[in-house]
């Protein structure tokens, strides 16, 4: 999937005390794999129908693929690196097989809100898409945002699930079927062993990709959702230049850092 080329999670493979070489993150959309904006879930498992009813597939400009999350009847949450160059998007709702959606909506650029602070350091990699009204049911439903009480929780050590149609290995193509991977959130200080502080800010959340369990090209913009409470805490953003299965941390936009921004644009808050 082209969407997440920027977000590979943390490399838990640093079992030794020797610090890893600091690297410049790569937007998941651009991670190694045919040098395109595609992404993948690596070493994950197929999602049964209805497991992650909040995920949507996003085909931008009929050229590249990202993921997104339903957060309200008329709102999708995704990554800024997906929307920044977009003229339009076709949204796939309730799909297990990537192009076999329950229904689709075509949305123009006028209905996309890209964070004004998005920059080359992949800071503020967050965007919203306003959609026609969607009714919720077992295969199409919203994911809960964290509450304002969660703003100062790092979630380090918590387990979460990432999902998407991205590549399933460094040399594969987009997956036809939706996949999930269970990952553990890591401490940002450990993540800085792989990426410097220009990229790893308080508004970043990293995951360990020990064993090559990660997100990758095509997963950009997709959700990272806690096992406990079913709350979305991350948006797939960037990964390591050495690839999705290298065991290096993957980076996500920390949703708790943008609750006011989301509320101001959508009216959604808890």
Protein backbone atom coordinates (compact mmCIF):
# COMPACT_ATOMS: atom_id res chain seq x y z
CA UNK A 1 0.00 0.00 0.00
CA UNK A 2 1.31 3.32 -0.87
CA UNK A 3 0.08 5.06 2.09
CA UNK A 4 2.38 4.64 4.97
CA UNK A 5 5.69 4.91 3.36
CA UNK A 6 6.85 7.11 6.16
CA UNK A 7 6.32 5.32 9.37
CA UNK A 8 8.35 2.19 10.28
CA UNK A 9 8.32 1.48 14.03
CA UNK A 10 11.11 1.20 16.50
CA UNK A 11 13.93 -1.20 16.11
CA UNK A 12 13.81 -3.36 19.13
CA UNK A 13 16.62 -5.20 17.52
CA UNK A 14 18.97 -3.06 19.54
CA UNK A 15 19.43 -5.76 22.10
CA UNK A 16 22.99 -4.73 22.66
CA UNK A 17 24.03 -1.72 24.65
CA UNK A 18 25.67 -0.24 21.56
CA UNK A 19 23.55 2.62 20.22
CA UNK A 20 22.28 2.24 16.68
CA UNK A 21 23.24 4.64 13.94
CA UNK A 22 20.94 7.63 13.85
CA UNK A 23 19.01 7.69 10.58
CA UNK A 24 16.76 10.06 8.70
CA UNK A 25 13.22 8.62 8.72
CA UNK A 26 11.46 7.97 5.44
CA UNK A 27 7.76 8.64 4.99
CA UNK A 28 6.10 5.24 4.84
CA UNK A 29 4.79 6.13 1.44
CA UNK A 30 8.39 6.30 0.17
CA UNK A 31 10.00 3.39 1.93
CA UNK A 32 12.18 1.00 -0.06
CA UNK A 33 10.02 -1.10 -2.32
CA UNK A 34 9.97 -0.27 -5.97
CA UNK A 35 10.77 3.30 -4.91
CA UNK A 36 7.09 4.10 -4.75
CA UNK A 37 4.61 5.43 -2.20
CA UNK A 38 3.32 2.04 -1.25
CA UNK A 39 3.21 0.36 2.11
CA UNK A 40 2.62 -2.89 3.89
CA UNK A 41 2.09 -4.80 7.07
CA UNK A 42 5.07 -7.12 7.51
CA UNK A 43 4.88 -10.41 9.42
CA UNK A 44 1.28 -9.76 10.40
CA UNK A 45 -1.89 -11.80 9.94
CA UNK A 46 -5.08 -11.53 7.86
CA UNK A 47 -7.85 -9.49 9.48
CA UNK A 48 -11.12 -11.35 9.81
CA UNK A 49 -14.14 -9.51 8.43
CA UNK A 50 -15.16 -6.75 10.83
CA UNK A 51 -12.02 -6.88 13.00
CA UNK A 52 -11.02 -3.31 12.18
CA UNK A 53 -14.23 -1.73 10.79
CA UNK A 54 -12.77 1.75 11.23
CA UNK A 55 -10.06 1.44 8.57
CA UNK A 56 -10.60 2.80 5.08
CA UNK A 57 -8.50 2.51 1.94
CA UNK A 58 -7.59 5.79 0.26
CA UNK A 59 -6.69 5.92 -3.42
CA UNK A 60 -5.24 9.39 -4.06
CA UNK A 61 -5.14 10.84 -7.57
CA UNK A 62 -5.62 7.28 -8.89
CA UNK A 63 -1.86 6.96 -8.29
CA UNK A 64 -0.97 6.06 -4.70
CA UNK A 65 -2.59 4.30 -1.79
CA UNK A 66 -2.85 5.20 1.89
CA UNK A 67 -4.94 4.16 4.84
CA UNK A 68 -7.22 6.19 7.06
CA UNK A 69 -9.51 5.86 10.07
CA UNK A 70 -13.17 6.72 10.48
CA UNK A 71 -13.54 9.01 13.51
CA UNK A 72 -17.04 10.32 12.84
CA UNK A 73 -19.95 9.99 10.42
CA UNK A 74 -18.36 12.55 8.11
CA UNK A 75 -14.65 12.46 9.01
CA UNK A 76 -11.56 10.41 8.16
CA UNK A 77 -8.21 10.79 9.95
CA UNK A 78 -5.02 10.14 7.94
CA UNK A 79 -1.45 11.39 7.36
CA UNK A 80 -0.47 14.77 5.91
CA UNK A 81 2.12 13.14 3.65
CA UNK A 82 -0.81 11.38 1.95
CA UNK A 83 -3.00 14.44 1.38
CA UNK A 84 -0.34 17.08 0.67
CA UNK A 85 -0.10 16.32 -3.06
CA UNK A 86 -3.65 15.08 -3.52
CA UNK A 87 -6.22 16.50 -5.92
CA UNK A 88 -8.89 13.95 -5.04
CA UNK A 89 -9.34 10.64 -3.23
CA UNK A 90 -11.54 7.59 -3.64
CA UNK A 91 -12.43 6.18 -0.20
CA UNK A 92 -12.99 2.42 0.18
CA UNK A 93 -15.21 1.54 3.16
CA UNK A 94 -15.54 -1.89 4.79
CA UNK A 95 -13.12 -3.65 2.45
CA UNK A 96 -11.30 -6.86 3.30
CA UNK A 97 -10.03 -7.33 -0.24
CA UNK A 98 -8.54 -3.99 -1.13
CA UNK A 99 -10.80 -3.06 -4.05
CA UNK A 100 -13.93 -4.88 -2.87
CA UNK A 101 -15.45 -2.22 -0.65
CA UNK A 102 -18.95 -2.23 0.81
CA UNK A 103 -19.20 1.19 -0.86
CA UNK A 104 -16.96 4.07 -1.96
CA UNK A 105 -17.00 7.87 -1.87
CA UNK A 106 -15.11 10.25 -4.15
CA UNK A 107 -13.87 13.38 -2.35
CA UNK A 108 -12.19 16.48 -3.79
CA UNK A 109 -9.19 18.34 -2.41
CA UNK A 110 -11.52 21.05 -1.07
CA UNK A 111 -12.59 18.57 1.62
CA UNK A 112 -9.07 17.74 2.81
CA UNK A 113 -7.47 19.54 5.75
CA UNK A 114 -3.69 19.06 5.91
CA UNK A 115 -2.00 20.31 9.08
CA UNK A 116 -0.35 23.63 8.30
CA UNK A 117 2.69 22.69 10.38
CA UNK A 118 3.62 19.58 8.38
CA UNK A 119 7.30 19.82 7.39
CA UNK A 120 10.32 17.94 6.07
CA UNK A 121 10.98 16.50 9.54
CA UNK A 122 7.59 14.78 9.28
CA UNK A 123 6.34 16.79 12.23
CA UNK A 124 2.56 17.27 12.37
CA UNK A 125 1.97 14.45 9.89
CA UNK A 126 -1.79 14.53 10.27
CA UNK A 127 -4.75 15.36 8.04
CA UNK A 128 -8.53 15.16 7.94
CA UNK A 129 -10.91 14.32 5.10
CA UNK A 130 -14.51 15.51 5.21
CA UNK A 131 -16.82 12.90 3.67
CA UNK A 132 -20.48 12.40 2.83
CA UNK A 133 -22.46 11.03 5.80
CA UNK A 134 -21.74 7.37 6.59
CA UNK A 135 -24.03 5.18 8.71
CA UNK A 136 -22.26 2.79 11.09
CA UNK A 137 -22.69 -0.98 11.22
CA UNK A 138 -20.58 -4.06 11.88
CA UNK A 139 -18.28 -3.63 8.87
CA UNK A 140 -18.10 0.18 8.81
CA UNK A 141 -17.70 1.93 12.15
CA UNK A 142 -15.71 4.64 13.85
CA UNK A 143 -12.71 4.22 16.13
CA UNK A 144 -12.63 6.17 19.38
CA UNK A 145 -10.23 9.04 19.83
CA UNK A 146 -8.33 9.24 23.12
CA UNK A 147 -9.85 11.55 25.71
CA UNK A 148 -8.20 14.77 26.83
CA UNK A 149 -7.26 12.90 30.02
CA UNK A 150 -4.91 10.76 27.90
CA UNK A 151 -2.81 13.70 26.69
CA UNK A 152 0.10 13.03 29.04
CA UNK A 153 0.11 9.25 28.75
CA UNK A 154 3.12 8.05 26.72
CA UNK A 155 1.54 4.58 26.31
CA UNK A 156 5.07 3.12 26.43
CA UNK A 157 4.81 -0.63 26.93
CA UNK A 158 1.18 -0.79 25.78
CA UNK A 159 0.15 -3.19 23.03
CA UNK A 160 -1.67 -2.00 19.93
CA UNK A 161 -2.76 -3.22 16.51
CA UNK A 162 -1.77 -1.63 13.20
CA UNK A 163 -3.62 -2.52 10.03
CA UNK A 164 -3.44 -1.95 6.30
CA UNK A 165 -3.10 -3.34 2.79
CA UNK A 166 0.60 -2.52 2.50
CA UNK A 167 3.39 -4.80 1.41
CA UNK A 168 3.91 -7.96 3.39
CA UNK A 169 7.68 -7.98 2.87
CA UNK A 170 10.36 -5.62 1.56
CA UNK A 171 10.19 -7.06 -1.94
CA UNK A 172 6.47 -7.79 -2.26
CA UNK A 173 3.75 -5.72 -3.85
CA UNK A 174 0.59 -4.37 -2.28
CA UNK A 175 -1.48 -6.90 -0.39
CA UNK A 176 -4.85 -7.76 -1.88
CA UNK A 177 -6.19 -8.59 1.59
CA UNK A 178 -6.31 -6.49 4.76
CA UNK A 179 -3.66 -7.43 7.33
CA UNK A 180 -3.03 -6.62 10.98
CA UNK A 181 0.05 -6.76 13.19
CA UNK A 182 0.24 -6.58 17.00
CA UNK A 183 3.04 -4.28 18.18
CA UNK A 184 4.30 -2.72 21.41
CA UNK A 185 4.67 1.02 21.93
CA UNK A 186 8.19 2.03 22.91
CA UNK A 187 9.63 4.90 24.88
CA UNK A 188 10.50 7.91 22.71
CA UNK A 189 13.94 8.16 24.29
CA UNK A 190 14.74 4.69 22.96
CA UNK A 191 13.34 5.65 19.57
CA UNK A 192 15.82 8.54 19.42
CA UNK A 193 18.64 5.98 19.30
CA UNK A 194 17.50 5.37 15.72
CA UNK A 195 16.23 8.84 14.76
CA UNK A 196 17.23 12.23 16.12
CA UNK A 197 15.07 14.60 18.12
CA UNK A 198 14.16 16.72 15.07
CA UNK A 199 11.97 13.79 14.03
CA UNK A 200 11.09 12.25 17.38
CA UNK A 201 9.13 14.93 19.21
CA UNK A 202 6.54 14.78 21.98
CA UNK A 203 3.96 14.39 19.20
CA UNK A 204 5.57 11.21 17.87
CA UNK A 205 4.79 7.67 19.02
CA UNK A 206 7.12 4.78 18.13
CA UNK A 207 6.64 1.04 18.03
CA UNK A 208 9.08 -1.80 18.34
CA UNK A 209 9.39 -3.85 15.17
CA UNK A 210 11.26 -6.73 16.76
CA UNK A 211 11.08 -9.76 14.51
CA UNK A 212 10.16 -7.60 11.52
CA UNK A 213 6.59 -7.06 12.76
CA UNK A 214 5.82 -3.65 11.32
CA UNK A 215 3.95 -1.38 8.99
CA UNK A 216 5.35 -0.38 5.63
CA UNK A 217 4.73 1.10 2.19
CA UNK A 218 1.03 1.39 1.50
CA UNK A 219 0.12 1.54 5.18
CA UNK A 220 0.73 5.30 5.44
CA UNK A 221 -2.02 7.18 7.25
CA UNK A 222 -3.46 4.03 8.74
CA UNK A 223 -4.40 3.45 12.39
CA UNK A 224 -2.49 2.33 15.46
CA UNK A 225 -5.19 1.29 17.95
CA UNK A 226 -4.70 0.19 21.56
CA UNK A 227 -5.74 -3.33 22.50
CA UNK A 228 -7.14 -1.84 25.68
CA UNK A 229 -10.03 0.52 25.05
CA UNK A 230 -9.96 0.39 21.25
CA UNK A 231 -8.60 3.96 21.04
CA UNK A 232 -6.54 5.26 18.12
CA UNK A 233 -3.24 6.61 19.41
CA UNK A 234 -1.15 6.70 16.23
CA UNK A 235 -1.25 7.48 12.51
CA UNK A 236 1.27 5.59 10.36
CA UNK A 237 3.94 8.09 9.41
CA UNK A 238 7.54 6.99 8.84
CA UNK A 239 10.00 4.14 8.80
CA UNK A 240 13.70 3.38 8.57
CA UNK A 241 15.71 3.64 5.37
CA UNK A 242 16.96 0.09 5.75
CA UNK A 243 13.46 -1.27 5.19
CA UNK A 244 10.35 -2.42 6.99
CA UNK A 245 11.73 -5.72 8.25
CA UNK A 246 15.05 -4.34 9.55
CA UNK A 247 13.88 -4.29 13.18
CA UNK A 248 14.23 -0.51 13.44
CA UNK A 249 11.46 1.51 15.14
CA UNK A 250 8.50 2.73 13.13
CA UNK A 251 7.09 6.20 13.73
CA UNK A 252 3.50 7.37 14.04
CA UNK A 253 1.85 10.71 14.63
CA UNK A 254 0.73 10.79 18.28
CA UNK A 255 -3.01 11.46 18.17
CA UNK A 256 -3.16 12.80 21.74
CA UNK A 257 -1.02 15.74 20.61
CA UNK A 258 -3.73 16.86 18.18
CA UNK A 259 -7.00 16.44 20.05
CA UNK A 260 -7.67 20.19 20.09
CA UNK A 261 -6.78 20.49 16.39
CA UNK A 262 -9.17 17.64 15.57
CA UNK A 263 -11.92 19.13 17.76
CA UNK A 264 -11.52 22.59 16.21
CA UNK A 265 -12.01 21.22 12.69
CA UNK A 266 -14.54 18.45 13.29
CA UNK A 267 -16.26 19.19 16.58
CA UNK A 268 -15.31 15.68 17.79
CA UNK A 269 -13.85 15.36 21.29
CA UNK A 270 -14.27 13.22 24.38
